[in-house]
Amino acid sequence: MKNIGFAITGSFCTHNKILEVLKDLKKDYNIIPIFSESVLKNNTRFGKAKDFLINVEKICKNKTIKTLQEAEPMGPKNLIDLLVIAPCTGNTLAKLSYGITDNAVLMTAKSVLRNNKPVVVGISTNDGLGISLKNISSLLNSKNYYFIPFYQDDIKNKPKSLKSDFDLTKQTIEDAFLGVQTQPIIK
């Protein structure tokens, strides 16, 4: 069974869908969850941070990586075969694009890329067709990044918003292991 890291950042409105994705993936993979600080600390109208952490750990049957120090050994010890970042916010996209490593999610991405392994990105950002588009483009043109196919999720009210079709997460993982980008990338 392959080991995958599953990194979760903000975009709290997608977290219930991410729980469904984790349940599906758990059938085929050992999943190590990784949280950004915002996910660890922020209670929102979509739920409490502590409850979400408990649910993720129950599904994955692994403790969540929460700090830079916990994430750092992922590369040197070669602990995972692939990393999923979903949802991946515009903030995280920018930091990935510029090589910033200031939290557990980004340190894990750096570690996985260091070992020439795939990083699967599931975007969810209100500015995907705005300022974040340059970061999406940068990552699309970088080695070992694979995107879960995405679409405009609310054309009328949020015309620049993009969200991945998280139902395609497993397919994107399988394709990424083969070194192939799932198509069509834009739905």
N, C-alpha and C. Protein backbone atom coordinates (compact mmCIF):
# COMPACT_ATOMS: atom_id res chain seq x y z
N MET A 1 0.85 -1.18 0.00
CA MET A 1 0.00 0.00 0.00
C MET A 1 0.90 1.24 0.00
N LYS A 2 0.62 2.17 -0.90
CA LYS A 2 1.41 3.39 -0.99
C LYS A 2 1.01 4.37 0.10
N ASN A 3 2.00 5.15 0.52
CA ASN A 3 1.78 6.19 1.52
C ASN A 3 1.61 7.53 0.82
N ILE A 4 0.51 8.20 1.11
CA ILE A 4 0.34 9.54 0.57
C ILE A 4 0.14 10.54 1.71
N GLY A 5 0.71 11.71 1.54
CA GLY A 5 0.42 12.81 2.44
C GLY A 5 -0.79 13.53 1.89
N PHE A 6 -1.67 13.96 2.77
CA PHE A 6 -2.83 14.73 2.34
C PHE A 6 -2.84 16.02 3.14
N ALA A 7 -2.43 17.10 2.47
CA ALA A 7 -2.31 18.40 3.12
C ALA A 7 -3.58 19.21 2.89
N ILE A 8 -4.08 19.80 3.97
CA ILE A 8 -5.33 20.54 3.93
C ILE A 8 -5.06 21.98 4.35
N THR A 9 -5.45 22.91 3.47
CA THR A 9 -5.31 24.33 3.79
C THR A 9 -6.71 24.92 3.92
N GLY A 10 -6.81 26.25 4.03
CA GLY A 10 -8.08 26.94 4.24
C GLY A 10 -9.19 26.52 3.33
N SER A 11 -9.89 27.45 2.71
CA SER A 11 -11.06 27.16 1.88
C SER A 11 -12.00 26.21 2.63
N PHE A 12 -12.41 26.67 3.78
CA PHE A 12 -13.18 25.86 4.72
C PHE A 12 -14.49 25.34 4.15
N CYS A 13 -15.03 26.02 3.15
CA CYS A 13 -16.29 25.58 2.55
C CYS A 13 -16.15 24.24 1.84
N THR A 14 -14.93 23.80 1.57
CA THR A 14 -14.72 22.52 0.88
C THR A 14 -14.38 21.38 1.84
N HIS A 15 -14.23 21.66 3.11
CA HIS A 15 -13.73 20.65 4.04
C HIS A 15 -14.63 19.43 4.17
N ASN A 16 -15.95 19.60 4.12
CA ASN A 16 -16.82 18.42 4.18
C ASN A 16 -16.60 17.51 2.98
N LYS A 17 -16.38 18.11 1.81
CA LYS A 17 -16.09 17.31 0.62
C LYS A 17 -14.76 16.58 0.77
N ILE A 18 -13.78 17.24 1.39
CA ILE A 18 -12.47 16.62 1.61
C ILE A 18 -12.60 15.40 2.51
N LEU A 19 -13.47 15.44 3.49
CA LEU A 19 -13.70 14.26 4.35
C LEU A 19 -14.18 13.08 3.51
N GLU A 20 -15.08 13.33 2.55
CA GLU A 20 -15.55 12.27 1.66
C GLU A 20 -14.40 11.71 0.81
N VAL A 21 -13.56 12.61 0.31
CA VAL A 21 -12.41 12.19 -0.51
C VAL A 21 -11.48 11.31 0.31
N LEU A 22 -11.21 11.72 1.54
CA LEU A 22 -10.32 10.92 2.41
C LEU A 22 -10.88 9.52 2.65
N LYS A 23 -12.18 9.42 2.87
CA LYS A 23 -12.80 8.11 3.09
C LYS A 23 -12.61 7.22 1.87
N ASP A 24 -12.75 7.80 0.69
CA ASP A 24 -12.57 7.03 -0.54
C ASP A 24 -11.11 6.61 -0.72
N LEU A 25 -10.19 7.53 -0.50
CA LEU A 25 -8.76 7.23 -0.68
C LEU A 25 -8.24 6.21 0.33
N LYS A 26 -8.81 6.23 1.52
CA LYS A 26 -8.33 5.35 2.59
C LYS A 26 -8.45 3.87 2.20
N LYS A 27 -9.33 3.55 1.28
CA LYS A 27 -9.49 2.17 0.82
C LYS A 27 -8.23 1.66 0.11
N ASP A 28 -7.47 2.58 -0.50
CA ASP A 28 -6.33 2.17 -1.32
C ASP A 28 -4.97 2.69 -0.85
N TYR A 29 -4.97 3.65 0.08
CA TYR A 29 -3.72 4.28 0.48
C TYR A 29 -3.63 4.44 1.99
N ASN A 30 -2.40 4.43 2.50
CA ASN A 30 -2.15 4.87 3.86
C ASN A 30 -2.00 6.39 3.78
N ILE A 31 -2.83 7.11 4.51
CA ILE A 31 -2.88 8.57 4.40
C ILE A 31 -2.32 9.22 5.65
N ILE A 32 -1.34 10.10 5.44
CA ILE A 32 -0.79 10.91 6.52
C ILE A 32 -1.32 12.32 6.34
N PRO A 33 -2.18 12.79 7.27
CA PRO A 33 -2.73 14.14 7.12
C PRO A 33 -1.74 15.21 7.57
N ILE A 34 -1.80 16.34 6.87
CA ILE A 34 -0.97 17.50 7.19
C ILE A 34 -1.89 18.72 7.16
N PHE A 35 -1.81 19.57 8.18
CA PHE A 35 -2.68 20.75 8.26
C PHE A 35 -1.87 22.03 8.21
N SER A 36 -2.44 23.04 7.55
CA SER A 36 -1.89 24.38 7.65
C SER A 36 -2.32 24.97 9.00
N GLU A 37 -1.65 26.02 9.42
CA GLU A 37 -1.99 26.66 10.70
C GLU A 37 -3.42 27.18 10.70
N SER A 38 -3.88 27.71 9.58
CA SER A 38 -5.24 28.25 9.55
C SER A 38 -6.28 27.16 9.80
N VAL A 39 -6.04 25.97 9.30
CA VAL A 39 -6.97 24.86 9.51
C VAL A 39 -6.94 24.42 10.98
N LEU A 40 -5.76 24.45 11.56
CA LEU A 40 -5.61 24.04 12.96
C LEU A 40 -6.28 25.01 13.94
N LYS A 41 -6.28 26.28 13.60
CA LYS A 41 -6.65 27.30 14.58
C LYS A 41 -7.99 27.97 14.39
N ASN A 42 -8.56 27.91 13.19
CA ASN A 42 -9.74 28.73 12.91
C ASN A 42 -11.04 27.95 12.95
N ASN A 43 -11.91 28.37 13.86
CA ASN A 43 -13.29 27.91 13.83
C ASN A 43 -14.03 28.81 12.86
N THR A 44 -14.87 28.21 12.02
CA THR A 44 -15.60 29.00 11.02
C THR A 44 -17.07 28.61 11.03
N ARG A 45 -17.84 29.25 10.19
CA ARG A 45 -19.26 28.89 10.08
C ARG A 45 -19.44 27.48 9.53
N PHE A 46 -18.35 26.90 9.00
CA PHE A 46 -18.41 25.55 8.45
C PHE A 46 -18.04 24.48 9.47
N GLY A 47 -17.55 24.90 10.64
CA GLY A 47 -17.23 23.93 11.68
C GLY A 47 -16.07 24.36 12.56
N LYS A 48 -15.87 23.58 13.61
CA LYS A 48 -14.80 23.86 14.56
C LYS A 48 -13.52 23.13 14.14
N ALA A 49 -12.41 23.82 14.31
CA ALA A 49 -11.10 23.27 13.92
C ALA A 49 -10.82 21.94 14.61
N LYS A 50 -11.09 21.86 15.90
CA LYS A 50 -10.80 20.64 16.65
C LYS A 50 -11.64 19.46 16.15
N ASP A 51 -12.90 19.70 15.85
CA ASP A 51 -13.77 18.64 15.34
C ASP A 51 -13.28 18.13 13.99
N PHE A 52 -12.84 19.05 13.13
CA PHE A 52 -12.33 18.66 11.82
C PHE A 52 -11.06 17.81 11.98
N LEU A 53 -10.17 18.22 12.85
CA LEU A 53 -8.95 17.46 13.13
C LEU A 53 -9.28 16.04 13.60
N ILE A 54 -10.21 15.93 14.52
CA ILE A 54 -10.61 14.62 15.04
C ILE A 54 -11.17 13.75 13.92
N ASN A 55 -12.03 14.33 13.07
CA ASN A 55 -12.62 13.57 11.96
C ASN A 55 -11.57 13.09 10.97
N VAL A 56 -10.62 13.96 10.63
CA VAL A 56 -9.58 13.59 9.68
C VAL A 56 -8.73 12.46 10.26
N GLU A 57 -8.31 12.58 11.51
CA GLU A 57 -7.47 11.55 12.12
C GLU A 57 -8.22 10.23 12.26
N LYS A 58 -9.51 10.29 12.52
CA LYS A 58 -10.32 9.07 12.62
C LYS A 58 -10.36 8.35 11.27
N ILE A 59 -10.56 9.11 10.21
CA ILE A 59 -10.61 8.52 8.86
C ILE A 59 -9.24 7.96 8.47
N CYS A 60 -8.20 8.76 8.65
CA CYS A 60 -6.86 8.39 8.18
C CYS A 60 -6.17 7.37 9.08
N LYS A 61 -6.59 7.32 10.35
CA LYS A 61 -5.95 6.43 11.34
C LYS A 61 -4.46 6.75 11.50
N ASN A 62 -4.13 8.04 11.34
CA ASN A 62 -2.79 8.56 11.55
C ASN A 62 -2.90 9.93 12.20
N LYS A 63 -1.89 10.29 12.97
CA LYS A 63 -1.82 11.61 13.58
C LYS A 63 -1.50 12.64 12.51
N THR A 64 -2.02 13.82 12.69
CA THR A 64 -1.81 14.92 11.75
C THR A 64 -0.45 15.57 11.98
N ILE A 65 0.23 15.87 10.89
CA ILE A 65 1.47 16.65 10.96
C ILE A 65 1.05 18.11 11.01
N LYS A 66 1.54 18.81 12.05
CA LYS A 66 1.06 20.16 12.32
C LYS A 66 2.16 21.22 12.30
N THR A 67 3.42 20.82 12.36
CA THR A 67 4.50 21.80 12.50
C THR A 67 5.58 21.56 11.44
N LEU A 68 6.40 22.58 11.25
CA LEU A 68 7.57 22.45 10.37
C LEU A 68 8.47 21.33 10.84
N GLN A 69 8.66 21.23 12.13
CA GLN A 69 9.55 20.22 12.70
C GLN A 69 9.02 18.81 12.44
N GLU A 70 7.71 18.63 12.51
CA GLU A 70 7.13 17.31 12.22
C GLU A 70 7.19 16.99 10.72
N ALA A 71 7.12 18.01 9.88
CA ALA A 71 7.11 17.80 8.43
C ALA A 71 8.50 17.60 7.85
N GLU A 72 9.51 18.17 8.46
CA GLU A 72 10.87 18.16 7.90
C GLU A 72 11.40 16.76 7.59
N PRO A 73 11.19 15.74 8.42
CA PRO A 73 11.72 14.40 8.12
C PRO A 73 11.07 13.69 6.93
N MET A 74 9.96 14.22 6.42
CA MET A 74 9.25 13.56 5.32
C MET A 74 10.18 13.30 4.13
N GLY A 75 11.04 14.26 3.81
CA GLY A 75 11.96 14.11 2.69
C GLY A 75 13.13 13.20 3.00
N PRO A 76 13.93 13.55 4.00
CA PRO A 76 15.10 12.73 4.30
C PRO A 76 14.78 11.27 4.61
N LYS A 77 13.64 11.02 5.24
CA LYS A 77 13.25 9.65 5.57
C LYS A 77 12.39 9.01 4.49
N ASN A 78 12.07 9.80 3.45
CA ASN A 78 11.31 9.29 2.30
C ASN A 78 10.01 8.60 2.75
N LEU A 79 9.22 9.32 3.53
CA LEU A 79 8.06 8.73 4.20
C LEU A 79 6.79 8.63 3.35
N ILE A 80 6.69 9.43 2.29
CA ILE A 80 5.48 9.36 1.46
C ILE A 80 5.85 9.26 -0.02
N ASP A 81 4.93 8.67 -0.78
CA ASP A 81 5.14 8.45 -2.21
C ASP A 81 4.56 9.57 -3.06
N LEU A 82 3.64 10.36 -2.47
CA LEU A 82 2.96 11.42 -3.20
C LEU A 82 2.31 12.33 -2.17
N LEU A 83 2.19 13.62 -2.51
CA LEU A 83 1.49 14.56 -1.65
C LEU A 83 0.31 15.14 -2.40
N VAL A 84 -0.84 15.19 -1.73
CA VAL A 84 -2.02 15.90 -2.23
C VAL A 84 -2.17 17.15 -1.37
N ILE A 85 -2.39 18.29 -2.01
CA ILE A 85 -2.74 19.51 -1.28
C ILE A 85 -4.13 19.89 -1.75
N ALA A 86 -5.12 19.65 -0.89
CA ALA A 86 -6.51 19.91 -1.25
C ALA A 86 -7.35 20.15 0.00
N PRO A 87 -8.05 21.24 0.08
CA PRO A 87 -8.02 22.32 -0.88
C PRO A 87 -6.71 23.09 -0.80
N CYS A 88 -6.31 23.64 -1.91
CA CYS A 88 -5.12 24.47 -2.00
C CYS A 88 -5.58 25.90 -2.28
N THR A 89 -5.38 26.77 -1.32
CA THR A 89 -5.82 28.16 -1.43
C THR A 89 -4.89 28.98 -2.32
N GLY A 90 -5.33 30.16 -2.67
CA GLY A 90 -4.49 31.09 -3.43
C GLY A 90 -3.22 31.43 -2.67
N ASN A 91 -3.31 31.55 -1.37
CA ASN A 91 -2.15 31.83 -0.54
C ASN A 91 -1.11 30.71 -0.65
N THR A 92 -1.57 29.49 -0.57
CA THR A 92 -0.65 28.34 -0.67
C THR A 92 -0.10 28.23 -2.09
N LEU A 93 -0.93 28.48 -3.11
CA LEU A 93 -0.44 28.47 -4.49
C LEU A 93 0.72 29.45 -4.66
N ALA A 94 0.56 30.64 -4.12
CA ALA A 94 1.61 31.66 -4.24
C ALA A 94 2.89 31.21 -3.56
N LYS A 95 2.76 30.66 -2.38
CA LYS A 95 3.95 30.22 -1.64
C LYS A 95 4.63 29.05 -2.34
N LEU A 96 3.85 28.13 -2.89
CA LEU A 96 4.45 27.03 -3.66
C LEU A 96 5.20 27.58 -4.88
N SER A 97 4.57 28.50 -5.56
CA SER A 97 5.15 29.07 -6.77
C SER A 97 6.47 29.79 -6.49
N TYR A 98 6.57 30.43 -5.35
CA TYR A 98 7.77 31.19 -5.00
C TYR A 98 8.73 30.44 -4.08
N GLY A 99 8.43 29.17 -3.79
CA GLY A 99 9.34 28.36 -2.99
C GLY A 99 9.39 28.74 -1.52
N ILE A 100 8.32 29.32 -1.01
CA ILE A 100 8.27 29.70 0.41
C ILE A 100 7.90 28.47 1.23
N THR A 101 8.64 28.27 2.31
CA THR A 101 8.44 27.09 3.16
C THR A 101 8.25 27.54 4.60
N ASP A 102 7.05 27.99 4.94
CA ASP A 102 6.84 28.54 6.28
C ASP A 102 5.76 27.82 7.09
N ASN A 103 5.35 26.64 6.64
CA ASN A 103 4.41 25.86 7.45
C ASN A 103 4.56 24.37 7.09
N ALA A 104 3.82 23.53 7.79
CA ALA A 104 3.95 22.08 7.61
C ALA A 104 3.58 21.63 6.20
N VAL A 105 2.55 22.24 5.61
CA VAL A 105 2.13 21.86 4.26
C VAL A 105 3.24 22.14 3.25
N LEU A 106 3.80 23.34 3.32
CA LEU A 106 4.83 23.75 2.37
C LEU A 106 6.14 22.99 2.58
N MET A 107 6.48 22.70 3.83
CA MET A 107 7.68 21.90 4.11
C MET A 107 7.52 20.48 3.56
N THR A 108 6.33 19.93 3.68
CA THR A 108 6.09 18.59 3.13
C THR A 108 6.20 18.63 1.61
N ALA A 109 5.65 19.65 0.98
CA ALA A 109 5.76 19.78 -0.48
C ALA A 109 7.22 19.86 -0.90
N LYS A 110 7.99 20.66 -0.20
CA LYS A 110 9.42 20.79 -0.51
C LYS A 110 10.11 19.43 -0.37
N SER A 111 9.77 18.69 0.66
CA SER A 111 10.38 17.38 0.91
C SER A 111 10.03 16.38 -0.18
N VAL A 112 8.78 16.38 -0.60
CA VAL A 112 8.33 15.45 -1.64
C VAL A 112 9.00 15.78 -2.98
N LEU A 113 9.04 17.06 -3.31
CA LEU A 113 9.68 17.48 -4.56
C LEU A 113 11.17 17.17 -4.56
N ARG A 114 11.79 17.30 -3.39
CA ARG A 114 13.22 16.99 -3.25
C ARG A 114 13.50 15.54 -3.64
N ASN A 115 12.53 14.68 -3.39
CA ASN A 115 12.66 13.26 -3.72
C ASN A 115 12.10 12.94 -5.11
N ASN A 116 11.81 13.99 -5.89
CA ASN A 116 11.33 13.81 -7.27
C ASN A 116 10.02 13.02 -7.34
N LYS A 117 9.13 13.33 -6.38
CA LYS A 117 7.83 12.66 -6.32
C LYS A 117 6.72 13.65 -6.62
N PRO A 118 5.53 13.15 -6.97
CA PRO A 118 4.45 14.04 -7.39
C PRO A 118 3.76 14.78 -6.25
N VAL A 119 3.34 16.01 -6.59
CA VAL A 119 2.48 16.82 -5.73
C VAL A 119 1.20 17.08 -6.52
N VAL A 120 0.08 16.64 -5.98
CA VAL A 120 -1.23 16.82 -6.60
C VAL A 120 -1.90 18.02 -5.93
N VAL A 121 -2.34 18.97 -6.75
CA VAL A 121 -2.90 20.22 -6.25
C VAL A 121 -4.39 20.28 -6.59
N GLY A 122 -5.20 20.49 -5.56
CA GLY A 122 -6.65 20.66 -5.72
C GLY A 122 -7.03 22.07 -5.34
N ILE A 123 -7.07 22.96 -6.32
CA ILE A 123 -7.26 24.37 -6.02
C ILE A 123 -8.69 24.69 -5.58
N SER A 124 -8.77 25.69 -4.73
CA SER A 124 -10.04 26.27 -4.32
C SER A 124 -9.73 27.69 -3.89
N THR A 125 -9.95 28.62 -4.82
CA THR A 125 -9.59 30.01 -4.55
C THR A 125 -10.52 30.96 -5.28
N ASN A 126 -10.87 32.03 -4.62
CA ASN A 126 -11.75 33.03 -5.22
C ASN A 126 -11.05 33.91 -6.25
N ASP A 127 -9.72 33.80 -6.35
CA ASP A 127 -8.99 34.64 -7.30
C ASP A 127 -8.19 33.82 -8.31
N GLY A 128 -8.67 32.63 -8.63
CA GLY A 128 -7.97 31.75 -9.56
C GLY A 128 -7.83 32.34 -10.95
N LEU A 129 -8.79 33.13 -11.37
CA LEU A 129 -8.70 33.81 -12.67
C LEU A 129 -8.28 35.26 -12.50
N GLY A 130 -7.76 35.56 -11.32
CA GLY A 130 -7.21 36.88 -11.03
C GLY A 130 -5.73 36.76 -10.76
N ILE A 131 -5.31 37.29 -9.64
CA ILE A 131 -3.88 37.33 -9.31
C ILE A 131 -3.28 35.93 -9.13
N SER A 132 -4.08 34.95 -8.74
CA SER A 132 -3.54 33.59 -8.54
C SER A 132 -3.28 32.85 -9.85
N LEU A 133 -3.81 33.35 -10.96
CA LEU A 133 -3.63 32.65 -12.23
C LEU A 133 -2.15 32.50 -12.59
N LYS A 134 -1.34 33.51 -12.28
CA LYS A 134 0.08 33.40 -12.61
C LYS A 134 0.75 32.29 -11.80
N ASN A 135 0.27 32.05 -10.59
CA ASN A 135 0.85 30.98 -9.77
C ASN A 135 0.40 29.61 -10.24
N ILE A 136 -0.85 29.50 -10.68
CA ILE A 136 -1.32 28.25 -11.28
C ILE A 136 -0.48 27.95 -12.52
N SER A 137 -0.29 28.95 -13.35
CA SER A 137 0.51 28.78 -14.57
C SER A 137 1.94 28.36 -14.24
N SER A 138 2.51 28.99 -13.25
CA SER A 138 3.89 28.65 -12.85
C SER A 138 4.00 27.19 -12.43
N LEU A 139 3.04 26.72 -11.63
CA LEU A 139 3.08 25.34 -11.16
C LEU A 139 2.76 24.35 -12.27
N LEU A 140 1.86 24.73 -13.18
CA LEU A 140 1.55 23.86 -14.32
C LEU A 140 2.80 23.62 -15.17
N ASN A 141 3.70 24.57 -15.16
CA ASN A 141 4.93 24.47 -15.95
C ASN A 141 6.12 24.02 -15.13
N SER A 142 5.87 23.48 -13.95
CA SER A 142 6.94 22.98 -13.08
C SER A 142 6.85 21.46 -12.99
N LYS A 143 7.99 20.85 -12.90
CA LYS A 143 8.07 19.39 -12.82
C LYS A 143 7.41 18.87 -11.54
N ASN A 144 6.69 17.77 -11.68
CA ASN A 144 6.10 17.00 -10.59
C ASN A 144 4.86 17.62 -9.94
N TYR A 145 4.29 18.66 -10.54
CA TYR A 145 3.01 19.20 -10.07
C TYR A 145 1.91 18.71 -11.00
N TYR A 146 0.81 18.23 -10.41
CA TYR A 146 -0.34 17.74 -11.15
C TYR A 146 -1.60 18.35 -10.53
N PHE A 147 -2.48 18.85 -11.36
CA PHE A 147 -3.68 19.51 -10.86
C PHE A 147 -4.90 18.61 -11.00
N ILE A 148 -5.70 18.56 -9.93
CA ILE A 148 -7.02 17.96 -10.02
C ILE A 148 -7.82 18.90 -10.94
N PRO A 149 -8.47 18.37 -11.98
CA PRO A 149 -9.19 19.25 -12.90
C PRO A 149 -10.12 20.22 -12.16
N PHE A 150 -10.20 21.44 -12.69
CA PHE A 150 -10.92 22.51 -12.00
C PHE A 150 -11.86 23.25 -12.93
N TYR A 151 -12.72 24.07 -12.33
CA TYR A 151 -13.75 24.80 -13.08
C TYR A 151 -14.10 26.08 -12.34
N GLN A 152 -14.82 26.97 -13.03
CA GLN A 152 -15.37 28.16 -12.37
C GLN A 152 -16.57 27.70 -11.57
N ASP A 153 -16.53 27.90 -10.27
CA ASP A 153 -17.58 27.32 -9.42
C ASP A 153 -18.80 28.22 -9.22
N ASP A 154 -18.69 29.52 -9.44
CA ASP A 154 -19.82 30.43 -9.27
C ASP A 154 -19.61 31.62 -10.20
N ILE A 155 -19.86 31.40 -11.48
CA ILE A 155 -19.54 32.38 -12.52
C ILE A 155 -20.22 33.73 -12.27
N LYS A 156 -21.46 33.69 -11.81
CA LYS A 156 -22.22 34.93 -11.64
C LYS A 156 -21.75 35.75 -10.44
N ASN A 157 -21.59 35.11 -9.29
CA ASN A 157 -21.26 35.85 -8.06
C ASN A 157 -19.76 35.96 -7.78
N LYS A 158 -18.98 35.00 -8.31
CA LYS A 158 -17.54 35.01 -8.08
C LYS A 158 -16.84 34.66 -9.40
N PRO A 159 -16.83 35.58 -10.35
CA PRO A 159 -16.37 35.26 -11.71
C PRO A 159 -14.89 34.88 -11.81
N LYS A 160 -14.09 35.12 -10.80
CA LYS A 160 -12.67 34.75 -10.85
C LYS A 160 -12.37 33.50 -10.03
N SER A 161 -13.39 32.92 -9.43
CA SER A 161 -13.22 31.78 -8.53
C SER A 161 -13.03 30.47 -9.30
N LEU A 162 -12.10 29.66 -8.81
CA LEU A 162 -11.86 28.33 -9.37
C LEU A 162 -11.89 27.29 -8.25
N LYS A 163 -12.41 26.13 -8.57
CA LYS A 163 -12.44 25.03 -7.61
C LYS A 163 -12.22 23.72 -8.34
N SER A 164 -11.43 22.86 -7.74
CA SER A 164 -11.19 21.54 -8.32
C SER A 164 -12.42 20.66 -8.18
N ASP A 165 -12.55 19.73 -9.10
CA ASP A 165 -13.58 18.71 -9.01
C ASP A 165 -13.00 17.60 -8.15
N PHE A 166 -13.22 17.68 -6.86
CA PHE A 166 -12.59 16.77 -5.92
C PHE A 166 -12.99 15.31 -6.13
N ASP A 167 -14.06 15.07 -6.89
CA ASP A 167 -14.42 13.69 -7.25
C ASP A 167 -13.36 13.06 -8.15
N LEU A 168 -12.49 13.86 -8.73
CA LEU A 168 -11.42 13.36 -9.61
C LEU A 168 -10.08 13.23 -8.89
N THR A 169 -10.09 13.32 -7.58
CA THR A 169 -8.84 13.26 -6.81
C THR A 169 -8.14 11.92 -7.01
N LYS A 170 -8.86 10.82 -6.85
CA LYS A 170 -8.23 9.50 -6.97
C LYS A 170 -7.67 9.29 -8.38
N GLN A 171 -8.42 9.68 -9.40
CA GLN A 171 -7.94 9.55 -10.78
C GLN A 171 -6.67 10.38 -10.98
N THR A 172 -6.66 11.58 -10.43
CA THR A 172 -5.48 12.45 -10.58
C THR A 172 -4.27 11.85 -9.88
N ILE A 173 -4.48 11.25 -8.72
CA ILE A 173 -3.38 10.58 -8.00
C ILE A 173 -2.83 9.43 -8.86
N GLU A 174 -3.73 8.60 -9.36
CA GLU A 174 -3.30 7.46 -10.19
C GLU A 174 -2.53 7.94 -11.42
N ASP A 175 -3.01 8.99 -12.07
CA ASP A 175 -2.32 9.54 -13.23
C ASP A 175 -0.97 10.13 -12.84
N ALA A 176 -0.93 10.83 -11.71
CA ALA A 176 0.33 11.45 -11.26
C ALA A 176 1.40 10.39 -10.99
N PHE A 177 1.01 9.26 -10.44
CA PHE A 177 1.97 8.18 -10.23
C PHE A 177 2.57 7.71 -11.56
N LEU A 178 1.82 7.89 -12.64
CA LEU A 178 2.30 7.53 -13.98
C LEU A 178 3.00 8.70 -14.68
N GLY A 179 3.03 9.86 -14.02
CA GLY A 179 3.65 11.03 -14.62
C GLY A 179 2.79 11.72 -15.65
N VAL A 180 1.46 11.59 -15.53
CA VAL A 180 0.53 12.12 -16.51
C VAL A 180 -0.44 13.09 -15.83
N GLN A 181 -0.71 14.22 -16.47
CA GLN A 181 -1.72 15.17 -15.99
C GLN A 181 -3.10 14.70 -16.43
N THR A 182 -4.03 14.56 -15.49
CA THR A 182 -5.41 14.20 -15.81
C THR A 182 -6.00 15.26 -16.74
N GLN A 183 -6.70 14.80 -17.77
CA GLN A 183 -7.30 15.70 -18.75
C GLN A 183 -8.80 15.47 -18.86
N PRO A 184 -9.58 16.43 -19.26
CA PRO A 184 -9.17 17.81 -19.45
C PRO A 184 -8.94 18.48 -18.11
N ILE A 185 -7.96 19.35 -18.04
CA ILE A 185 -7.62 19.99 -16.77
C ILE A 185 -8.63 21.07 -16.39
N ILE A 186 -9.24 21.69 -17.41
CA ILE A 186 -10.28 22.69 -17.17
C ILE A 186 -11.59 22.11 -17.65
N LYS A 187 -12.54 22.03 -16.73
CA LYS A 187 -13.85 21.44 -17.05
C LYS A 187 -14.83 22.49 -17.50
